[in-house]
Amino acid sequence: SDKVLSQLLTNRALCFQKLEVWDKVEDDARKAMDKNGSSVKAHYLLGKALLEIGRVEDARAALLKSMSLSSSPEFKSYRR
């Protein structure tokens, strides 16, 4: 399913993040977002990658989207 593929892509993006291969993090995060536009993890990873490659304004937008999604009622169980 699209949701599972999104999870796999964000997990691979995390691996690329550990390796600091930011273009691959960006690619996988964007692909994950195509499959699941409400993925907090994908938006966060995209923001992190964009920040690392110097695209600060784009990074800010992605990170704000991540924060917005994480504050939705759907993710209430993740917050304390």
PDB file of N, CA and C in Angstrom:
ATOM      1  N   SER A   1       0.832  -1.195   0.000  1.00  0.00           N
ATOM      2  CA  SER A   1       0.000   0.000   0.000  1.00  0.00           C
ATOM      3  C   SER A   1       0.873   1.254   0.000  1.00  0.00           C
ATOM      4  N   ASP A   2       0.262   2.378  -0.295  1.00  0.00           N
ATOM      5  CA  ASP A   2       1.003   3.644  -0.324  1.00  0.00           C
ATOM      6  C   ASP A   2       1.579   4.002   1.048  1.00  0.00           C
ATOM      7  N   LYS A   3       0.812   3.717   2.097  1.00  0.00           N
ATOM      8  CA  LYS A   3       1.273   4.046   3.444  1.00  0.00           C
ATOM      9  C   LYS A   3       2.518   3.232   3.815  1.00  0.00           C
ATOM     10  N   VAL A   4       2.518   1.966   3.473  1.00  0.00           N
ATOM     11  CA  VAL A   4       3.687   1.110   3.756  1.00  0.00           C
ATOM     12  C   VAL A   4       4.888   1.579   2.948  1.00  0.00           C
ATOM     13  N   LEU A   5       4.679   1.879   1.686  1.00  0.00           N
ATOM     14  CA  LEU A   5       5.780   2.365   0.857  1.00  0.00           C
ATOM     15  C   LEU A   5       6.331   3.669   1.410  1.00  0.00           C
ATOM     16  N   SER A   6       5.460   4.545   1.889  1.00  0.00           N
ATOM     17  CA  SER A   6       5.902   5.796   2.503  1.00  0.00           C
ATOM     18  C   SER A   6       6.786   5.518   3.722  1.00  0.00           C
ATOM     19  N   GLN A   7       6.381   4.560   4.537  1.00  0.00           N
ATOM     20  CA  GLN A   7       7.177   4.205   5.718  1.00  0.00           C
ATOM     21  C   GLN A   7       8.535   3.654   5.327  1.00  0.00           C
ATOM     22  N   LEU A   8       8.562   2.814   4.312  1.00  0.00           N
ATOM     23  CA  LEU A   8       9.840   2.262   3.846  1.00  0.00           C
ATOM     24  C   LEU A   8      10.753   3.367   3.318  1.00  0.00           C
ATOM     25  N   LEU A   9      10.183   4.293   2.566  1.00  0.00           N
ATOM     26  CA  LEU A   9      10.974   5.394   2.015  1.00  0.00           C
ATOM     27  C   LEU A   9      11.525   6.303   3.118  1.00  0.00           C
ATOM     28  N   THR A  10      10.714   6.586   4.141  1.00  0.00           N
ATOM     29  CA  THR A  10      11.225   7.435   5.221  1.00  0.00           C
ATOM     30  C   THR A  10      12.270   6.700   6.044  1.00  0.00           C
ATOM     31  N   ASN A  11      12.128   5.391   6.189  1.00  0.00           N
ATOM     32  CA  ASN A  11      13.170   4.633   6.893  1.00  0.00           C
ATOM     33  C   ASN A  11      14.483   4.652   6.115  1.00  0.00           C
ATOM     34  N   ARG A  12      14.386   4.535   4.785  1.00  0.00           N
ATOM     35  CA  ARG A  12      15.608   4.607   3.980  1.00  0.00           C
ATOM     36  C   ARG A  12      16.198   6.021   4.038  1.00  0.00           C
ATOM     37  N   ALA A  13      15.319   7.029   4.046  1.00  0.00           N
ATOM     38  CA  ALA A  13      15.804   8.409   4.173  1.00  0.00           C
ATOM     39  C   ALA A  13      16.560   8.599   5.485  1.00  0.00           C
ATOM     40  N   LEU A  14      16.091   7.964   6.552  1.00  0.00           N
ATOM     41  CA  LEU A  14      16.815   8.025   7.829  1.00  0.00           C
ATOM     42  C   LEU A  14      18.209   7.427   7.714  1.00  0.00           C
ATOM     43  N   CYS A  15      18.318   6.331   6.974  1.00  0.00           N
ATOM     44  CA  CYS A  15      19.637   5.725   6.745  1.00  0.00           C
ATOM     45  C   CYS A  15      20.542   6.686   5.985  1.00  0.00           C
ATOM     46  N   PHE A  16      20.005   7.303   4.941  1.00  0.00           N
ATOM     47  CA  PHE A  16      20.786   8.283   4.186  1.00  0.00           C
ATOM     48  C   PHE A  16      21.155   9.485   5.053  1.00  0.00           C
ATOM     49  N   GLN A  17      20.275   9.848   5.995  1.00  0.00           N
ATOM     50  CA  GLN A  17      20.583  10.951   6.905  1.00  0.00           C
ATOM     51  C   GLN A  17      21.799  10.604   7.752  1.00  0.00           C
ATOM     52  N   LYS A  18      21.836   9.387   8.253  1.00  0.00           N
ATOM     53  CA  LYS A  18      22.998   8.954   9.063  1.00  0.00           C
ATOM     54  C   LYS A  18      24.284   9.021   8.247  1.00  0.00           C
ATOM     55  N   LEU A  19      24.172   8.756   6.953  1.00  0.00           N
ATOM     56  CA  LEU A  19      25.329   8.805   6.059  1.00  0.00           C
ATOM     57  C   LEU A  19      25.603  10.216   5.538  1.00  0.00           C
ATOM     58  N   GLU A  20      24.696  11.145   5.859  1.00  0.00           N
ATOM     59  CA  GLU A  20      24.782  12.535   5.417  1.00  0.00           C
ATOM     60  C   GLU A  20      24.766  12.671   3.898  1.00  0.00           C
ATOM     61  N   VAL A  21      23.936  11.859   3.253  1.00  0.00           N
ATOM     62  CA  VAL A  21      23.732  11.931   1.807  1.00  0.00           C
ATOM     63  C   VAL A  21      22.408  12.664   1.593  1.00  0.00           C
ATOM     64  N   TRP A  22      22.498  13.988   1.663  1.00  0.00           N
ATOM     65  CA  TRP A  22      21.310  14.832   1.767  1.00  0.00           C
ATOM     66  C   TRP A  22      20.428  14.822   0.525  1.00  0.00           C
ATOM     67  N   ASP A  23      21.016  14.674  -0.656  1.00  0.00           N
ATOM     68  CA  ASP A  23      20.184  14.634  -1.855  1.00  0.00           C
ATOM     69  C   ASP A  23      19.307  13.383  -1.873  1.00  0.00           C
ATOM     70  N   LYS A  24      19.815  12.284  -1.350  1.00  0.00           N
ATOM     71  CA  LYS A  24      19.032  11.047  -1.271  1.00  0.00           C
ATOM     72  C   LYS A  24      17.946  11.168  -0.192  1.00  0.00           C
ATOM     73  N   VAL A  25      18.275  11.849   0.911  1.00  0.00           N
ATOM     74  CA  VAL A  25      17.264  12.093   1.948  1.00  0.00           C
ATOM     75  C   VAL A  25      16.119  12.893   1.341  1.00  0.00           C
ATOM     76  N   GLU A  26      16.470  13.953   0.615  1.00  0.00           N
ATOM     77  CA  GLU A  26      15.446  14.783  -0.022  1.00  0.00           C
ATOM     78  C   GLU A  26      14.599  13.968  -0.998  1.00  0.00           C
ATOM     79  N   ASP A  27      15.253  13.172  -1.842  1.00  0.00           N
ATOM     80  CA  ASP A  27      14.516  12.375  -2.828  1.00  0.00           C
ATOM     81  C   ASP A  27      13.527  11.418  -2.168  1.00  0.00           C
ATOM     82  N   ASP A  28      14.009  10.673  -1.160  1.00  0.00           N
ATOM     83  CA  ASP A  28      13.136   9.698  -0.516  1.00  0.00           C
ATOM     84  C   ASP A  28      12.019  10.376   0.279  1.00  0.00           C
ATOM     85  N   ALA A  29      12.328  11.497   0.912  1.00  0.00           N
ATOM     86  CA  ALA A  29      11.294  12.217   1.662  1.00  0.00           C
ATOM     87  C   ALA A  29      10.203  12.706   0.713  1.00  0.00           C
ATOM     88  N   ARG A  30      10.599  13.235  -0.422  1.00  0.00           N
ATOM     89  CA  ARG A  30       9.605  13.706  -1.402  1.00  0.00           C
ATOM     90  C   ARG A  30       8.764  12.544  -1.949  1.00  0.00           C
ATOM     91  N   LYS A  31       9.410  11.418  -2.221  1.00  0.00           N
ATOM     92  CA  LYS A  31       8.673  10.248  -2.705  1.00  0.00           C
ATOM     93  C   LYS A  31       7.691   9.765  -1.638  1.00  0.00           C
ATOM     94  N   ALA A  32       8.139   9.767  -0.389  1.00  0.00           N
ATOM     95  CA  ALA A  32       7.267   9.348   0.713  1.00  0.00           C
ATOM     96  C   ALA A  32       6.069  10.282   0.834  1.00  0.00           C
ATOM     97  N   MET A  33       6.306  11.579   0.663  1.00  0.00           N
ATOM     98  CA  MET A  33       5.225  12.551   0.737  1.00  0.00           C
ATOM     99  C   MET A  33       4.241  12.363  -0.413  1.00  0.00           C
ATOM    100  N   ASP A  34       4.722  11.926  -1.566  1.00  0.00           N
ATOM    101  CA  ASP A  34       3.825  11.636  -2.690  1.00  0.00           C
ATOM    102  C   ASP A  34       2.877  10.491  -2.351  1.00  0.00           C
ATOM    103  N   LYS A  35       3.373   9.538  -1.577  1.00  0.00           N
ATOM    104  CA  LYS A  35       2.567   8.377  -1.189  1.00  0.00           C
ATOM    105  C   LYS A  35       1.672   8.661   0.017  1.00  0.00           C
ATOM    106  N   ASN A  36       2.158   9.523   0.914  1.00  0.00           N
ATOM    107  CA  ASN A  36       1.405   9.842   2.131  1.00  0.00           C
ATOM    108  C   ASN A  36       1.709  11.287   2.510  1.00  0.00           C
ATOM    109  N   GLY A  37       0.888  12.188   2.026  1.00  0.00           N
ATOM    110  CA  GLY A  37       1.114  13.616   2.234  1.00  0.00           C
ATOM    111  C   GLY A  37       1.024  14.073   3.678  1.00  0.00           C
ATOM    112  N   SER A  38       0.491  13.228   4.560  1.00  0.00           N
ATOM    113  CA  SER A  38       0.387  13.610   5.965  1.00  0.00           C
ATOM    114  C   SER A  38       1.480  12.984   6.834  1.00  0.00           C
ATOM    115  N   SER A  39       2.543  12.503   6.206  1.00  0.00           N
ATOM    116  CA  SER A  39       3.651  11.899   6.947  1.00  0.00           C
ATOM    117  C   SER A  39       4.498  12.979   7.620  1.00  0.00           C
ATOM    118  N   VAL A  40       4.402  13.044   8.927  1.00  0.00           N
ATOM    119  CA  VAL A  40       5.205  13.993   9.706  1.00  0.00           C
ATOM    120  C   VAL A  40       6.689  13.714   9.475  1.00  0.00           C
ATOM    121  N   LYS A  41       7.033  12.445   9.515  1.00  0.00           N
ATOM    122  CA  LYS A  41       8.432  12.023   9.355  1.00  0.00           C
ATOM    123  C   LYS A  41       8.994  12.467   8.002  1.00  0.00           C
ATOM    124  N   ALA A  42       8.224  12.322   6.947  1.00  0.00           N
ATOM    125  CA  ALA A  42       8.696  12.715   5.611  1.00  0.00           C
ATOM    126  C   ALA A  42       8.922  14.220   5.536  1.00  0.00           C
ATOM    127  N   HIS A  43       7.989  14.997   6.061  1.00  0.00           N
ATOM    128  CA  HIS A  43       8.157  16.454   6.042  1.00  0.00           C
ATOM    129  C   HIS A  43       9.362  16.881   6.891  1.00  0.00           C
ATOM    130  N   TYR A  44       9.526  16.247   8.039  1.00  0.00           N
ATOM    131  CA  TYR A  44      10.670  16.572   8.895  1.00  0.00           C
ATOM    132  C   TYR A  44      11.990  16.241   8.186  1.00  0.00           C
ATOM    133  N   LEU A  45      12.072  15.048   7.606  1.00  0.00           N
ATOM    134  CA  LEU A  45      13.308  14.649   6.928  1.00  0.00           C
ATOM    135  C   LEU A  45      13.608  15.548   5.730  1.00  0.00           C
ATOM    136  N   LEU A  46      12.563  15.941   5.012  1.00  0.00           N
ATOM    137  CA  LEU A  46      12.758  16.877   3.907  1.00  0.00           C
ATOM    138  C   LEU A  46      13.323  18.190   4.435  1.00  0.00           C
ATOM    139  N   GLY A  47      12.730  18.700   5.503  1.00  0.00           N
ATOM    140  CA  GLY A  47      13.218  19.948   6.092  1.00  0.00           C
ATOM    141  C   GLY A  47      14.661  19.854   6.536  1.00  0.00           C
ATOM    142  N   LYS A  48      15.010  18.757   7.175  1.00  0.00           N
ATOM    143  CA  LYS A  48      16.391  18.549   7.634  1.00  0.00           C
ATOM    144  C   LYS A  48      17.357  18.517   6.449  1.00  0.00           C
ATOM    145  N   ALA A  49      16.990  17.793   5.404  1.00  0.00           N
ATOM    146  CA  ALA A  49      17.849  17.698   4.215  1.00  0.00           C
ATOM    147  C   ALA A  49      18.022  19.064   3.554  1.00  0.00           C
ATOM    148  N   LEU A  50      16.924  19.778   3.402  1.00  0.00           N
ATOM    149  CA  LEU A  50      16.998  21.099   2.763  1.00  0.00           C
ATOM    150  C   LEU A  50      17.839  22.062   3.589  1.00  0.00           C
ATOM    151  N   LEU A  51      17.716  21.981   4.891  1.00  0.00           N
ATOM    152  CA  LEU A  51      18.539  22.823   5.766  1.00  0.00           C
ATOM    153  C   LEU A  51      20.020  22.510   5.579  1.00  0.00           C
ATOM    154  N   GLU A  52      20.340  21.238   5.521  1.00  0.00           N
ATOM    155  CA  GLU A  52      21.737  20.819   5.376  1.00  0.00           C
ATOM    156  C   GLU A  52      22.342  21.233   4.035  1.00  0.00           C
ATOM    157  N   ILE A  53      21.509  21.346   2.996  1.00  0.00           N
ATOM    158  CA  ILE A  53      22.058  21.748   1.695  1.00  0.00           C
ATOM    159  C   ILE A  53      21.914  23.249   1.456  1.00  0.00           C
ATOM    160  N   GLY A  54      21.456  23.967   2.485  1.00  0.00           N
ATOM    161  CA  GLY A  54      21.449  25.421   2.420  1.00  0.00           C
ATOM    162  C   GLY A  54      20.195  26.065   1.872  1.00  0.00           C
ATOM    163  N   ARG A  55      19.143  25.302   1.698  1.00  0.00           N
ATOM    164  CA  ARG A  55      17.873  25.858   1.200  1.00  0.00           C
ATOM    165  C   ARG A  55      16.985  26.180   2.403  1.00  0.00           C
ATOM    166  N   VAL A  56      17.363  27.235   3.101  1.00  0.00           N
ATOM    167  CA  VAL A  56      16.804  27.548   4.410  1.00  0.00           C
ATOM    168  C   VAL A  56      15.303  27.834   4.359  1.00  0.00           C
ATOM    169  N   GLU A  57      14.857  28.633   3.419  1.00  0.00           N
ATOM    170  CA  GLU A  57      13.430  28.972   3.361  1.00  0.00           C
ATOM    171  C   GLU A  57      12.574  27.752   3.037  1.00  0.00           C
ATOM    172  N   ASP A  58      13.056  26.919   2.110  1.00  0.00           N
ATOM    173  CA  ASP A  58      12.330  25.689   1.791  1.00  0.00           C
ATOM    174  C   ASP A  58      12.318  24.756   2.999  1.00  0.00           C
ATOM    175  N   ALA A  59      13.446  24.703   3.702  1.00  0.00           N
ATOM    176  CA  ALA A  59      13.543  23.878   4.905  1.00  0.00           C
ATOM    177  C   ALA A  59      12.547  24.352   5.956  1.00  0.00           C
ATOM    178  N   ARG A  60      12.475  25.641   6.128  1.00  0.00           N
ATOM    179  CA  ARG A  60      11.549  26.221   7.113  1.00  0.00           C
ATOM    180  C   ARG A  60      10.115  25.814   6.804  1.00  0.00           C
ATOM    181  N   ALA A  61       9.742  25.892   5.541  1.00  0.00           N
ATOM    182  CA  ALA A  61       8.373  25.533   5.144  1.00  0.00           C
ATOM    183  C   ALA A  61       8.087  24.060   5.442  1.00  0.00           C
ATOM    184  N   ALA A  62       9.027  23.190   5.125  1.00  0.00           N
ATOM    185  CA  ALA A  62       8.834  21.756   5.363  1.00  0.00           C
ATOM    186  C   ALA A  62       8.759  21.456   6.857  1.00  0.00           C
ATOM    187  N   LEU A  63       9.601  22.117   7.639  1.00  0.00           N
ATOM    188  CA  LEU A  63       9.602  21.882   9.078  1.00  0.00           C
ATOM    189  C   LEU A  63       8.340  22.428   9.740  1.00  0.00           C
ATOM    190  N   LEU A  64       7.866  23.574   9.268  1.00  0.00           N
ATOM    191  CA  LEU A  64       6.608  24.109   9.789  1.00  0.00           C
ATOM    192  C   LEU A  64       5.435  23.186   9.453  1.00  0.00           C
ATOM    193  N   LYS A  65       5.462  22.618   8.264  1.00  0.00           N
ATOM    194  CA  LYS A  65       4.418  21.666   7.866  1.00  0.00           C
ATOM    195  C   LYS A  65       4.469  20.442   8.772  1.00  0.00           C
ATOM    196  N   SER A  66       5.672  19.974   9.064  1.00  0.00           N
ATOM    197  CA  SER A  66       5.849  18.835   9.961  1.00  0.00           C
ATOM    198  C   SER A  66       5.260  19.135  11.339  1.00  0.00           C
ATOM    199  N   MET A  67       5.549  20.332  11.850  1.00  0.00           N
ATOM    200  CA  MET A  67       5.010  20.730  13.149  1.00  0.00           C
ATOM    201  C   MET A  67       3.492  20.813  13.109  1.00  0.00           C
ATOM    202  N   SER A  68       2.969  21.365  12.042  1.00  0.00           N
ATOM    203  CA  SER A  68       1.527  21.503  11.893  1.00  0.00           C
ATOM    204  C   SER A  68       0.851  20.129  11.875  1.00  0.00           C
ATOM    205  N   LEU A  69       1.412  19.215  11.121  1.00  0.00           N
ATOM    206  CA  LEU A  69       0.850  17.871  11.051  1.00  0.00           C
ATOM    207  C   LEU A  69       0.935  17.159  12.399  1.00  0.00           C
ATOM    208  N   SER A  70       2.042  17.355  13.097  1.00  0.00           N
ATOM    209  CA  SER A  70       2.224  16.648  14.370  1.00  0.00           C
ATOM    210  C   SER A  70       1.318  17.184  15.462  1.00  0.00           C
ATOM    211  N   SER A  71       0.786  18.384  15.285  1.00  0.00           N
ATOM    212  CA  SER A  71      -0.109  18.944  16.294  1.00  0.00           C
ATOM    213  C   SER A  71      -1.573  18.640  15.991  1.00  0.00           C
ATOM    214  N   SER A  72      -1.830  17.907  14.922  1.00  0.00           N
ATOM    215  CA  SER A  72      -3.211  17.555  14.594  1.00  0.00           C
ATOM    216  C   SER A  72      -3.712  16.491  15.569  1.00  0.00           C
ATOM    217  N   PRO A  73      -5.011  16.414  15.758  1.00  0.00           N
ATOM    218  CA  PRO A  73      -5.585  15.429  16.693  1.00  0.00           C
ATOM    219  C   PRO A  73      -5.179  13.992  16.372  1.00  0.00           C
ATOM    220  N   GLU A  74      -4.930  13.711  15.104  1.00  0.00           N
ATOM    221  CA  GLU A  74      -4.542  12.361  14.687  1.00  0.00           C
ATOM    222  C   GLU A  74      -3.273  11.888  15.398  1.00  0.00           C
ATOM    223  N   PHE A  75      -2.394  12.834  15.761  1.00  0.00           N
ATOM    224  CA  PHE A  75      -1.114  12.485  16.372  1.00  0.00           C
ATOM    225  C   PHE A  75      -1.081  12.789  17.872  1.00  0.00           C
ATOM    226  N   LYS A  76      -2.243  12.967  18.469  1.00  0.00           N
ATOM    227  CA  LYS A  76      -2.327  13.317  19.891  1.00  0.00           C
ATOM    228  C   LYS A  76      -1.591  12.306  20.771  1.00  0.00           C
ATOM    229  N   SER A  77      -1.629  11.041  20.420  1.00  0.00           N
ATOM    230  CA  SER A  77      -1.005  10.007  21.251  1.00  0.00           C
ATOM    231  C   SER A  77       0.517  10.116  21.280  1.00  0.00           C
ATOM    232  N   TYR A  78       1.113  10.850  20.340  1.00  0.00           N
ATOM    233  CA  TYR A  78       2.570  11.012  20.300  1.00  0.00           C
ATOM    234  C   TYR A  78       3.053  12.120  21.222  1.00  0.00           C
ATOM    235  N   ARG A  79       2.130  12.993  21.652  1.00  0.00           N
ATOM    236  CA  ARG A  79       2.513  14.120  22.476  1.00  0.00           C
ATOM    237  C   ARG A  79       2.264  13.807  23.932  1.00  0.00           C
ATOM    238  N   ARG A  80       3.015  14.490  24.804  1.00  0.00           N
ATOM    239  CA  ARG A  80       2.812  14.317  26.243  1.00  0.00           C
ATOM    240  C   ARG A  80       2.266  15.579  26.828  1.00  0.00           C
TER     241      ARG A  80
END
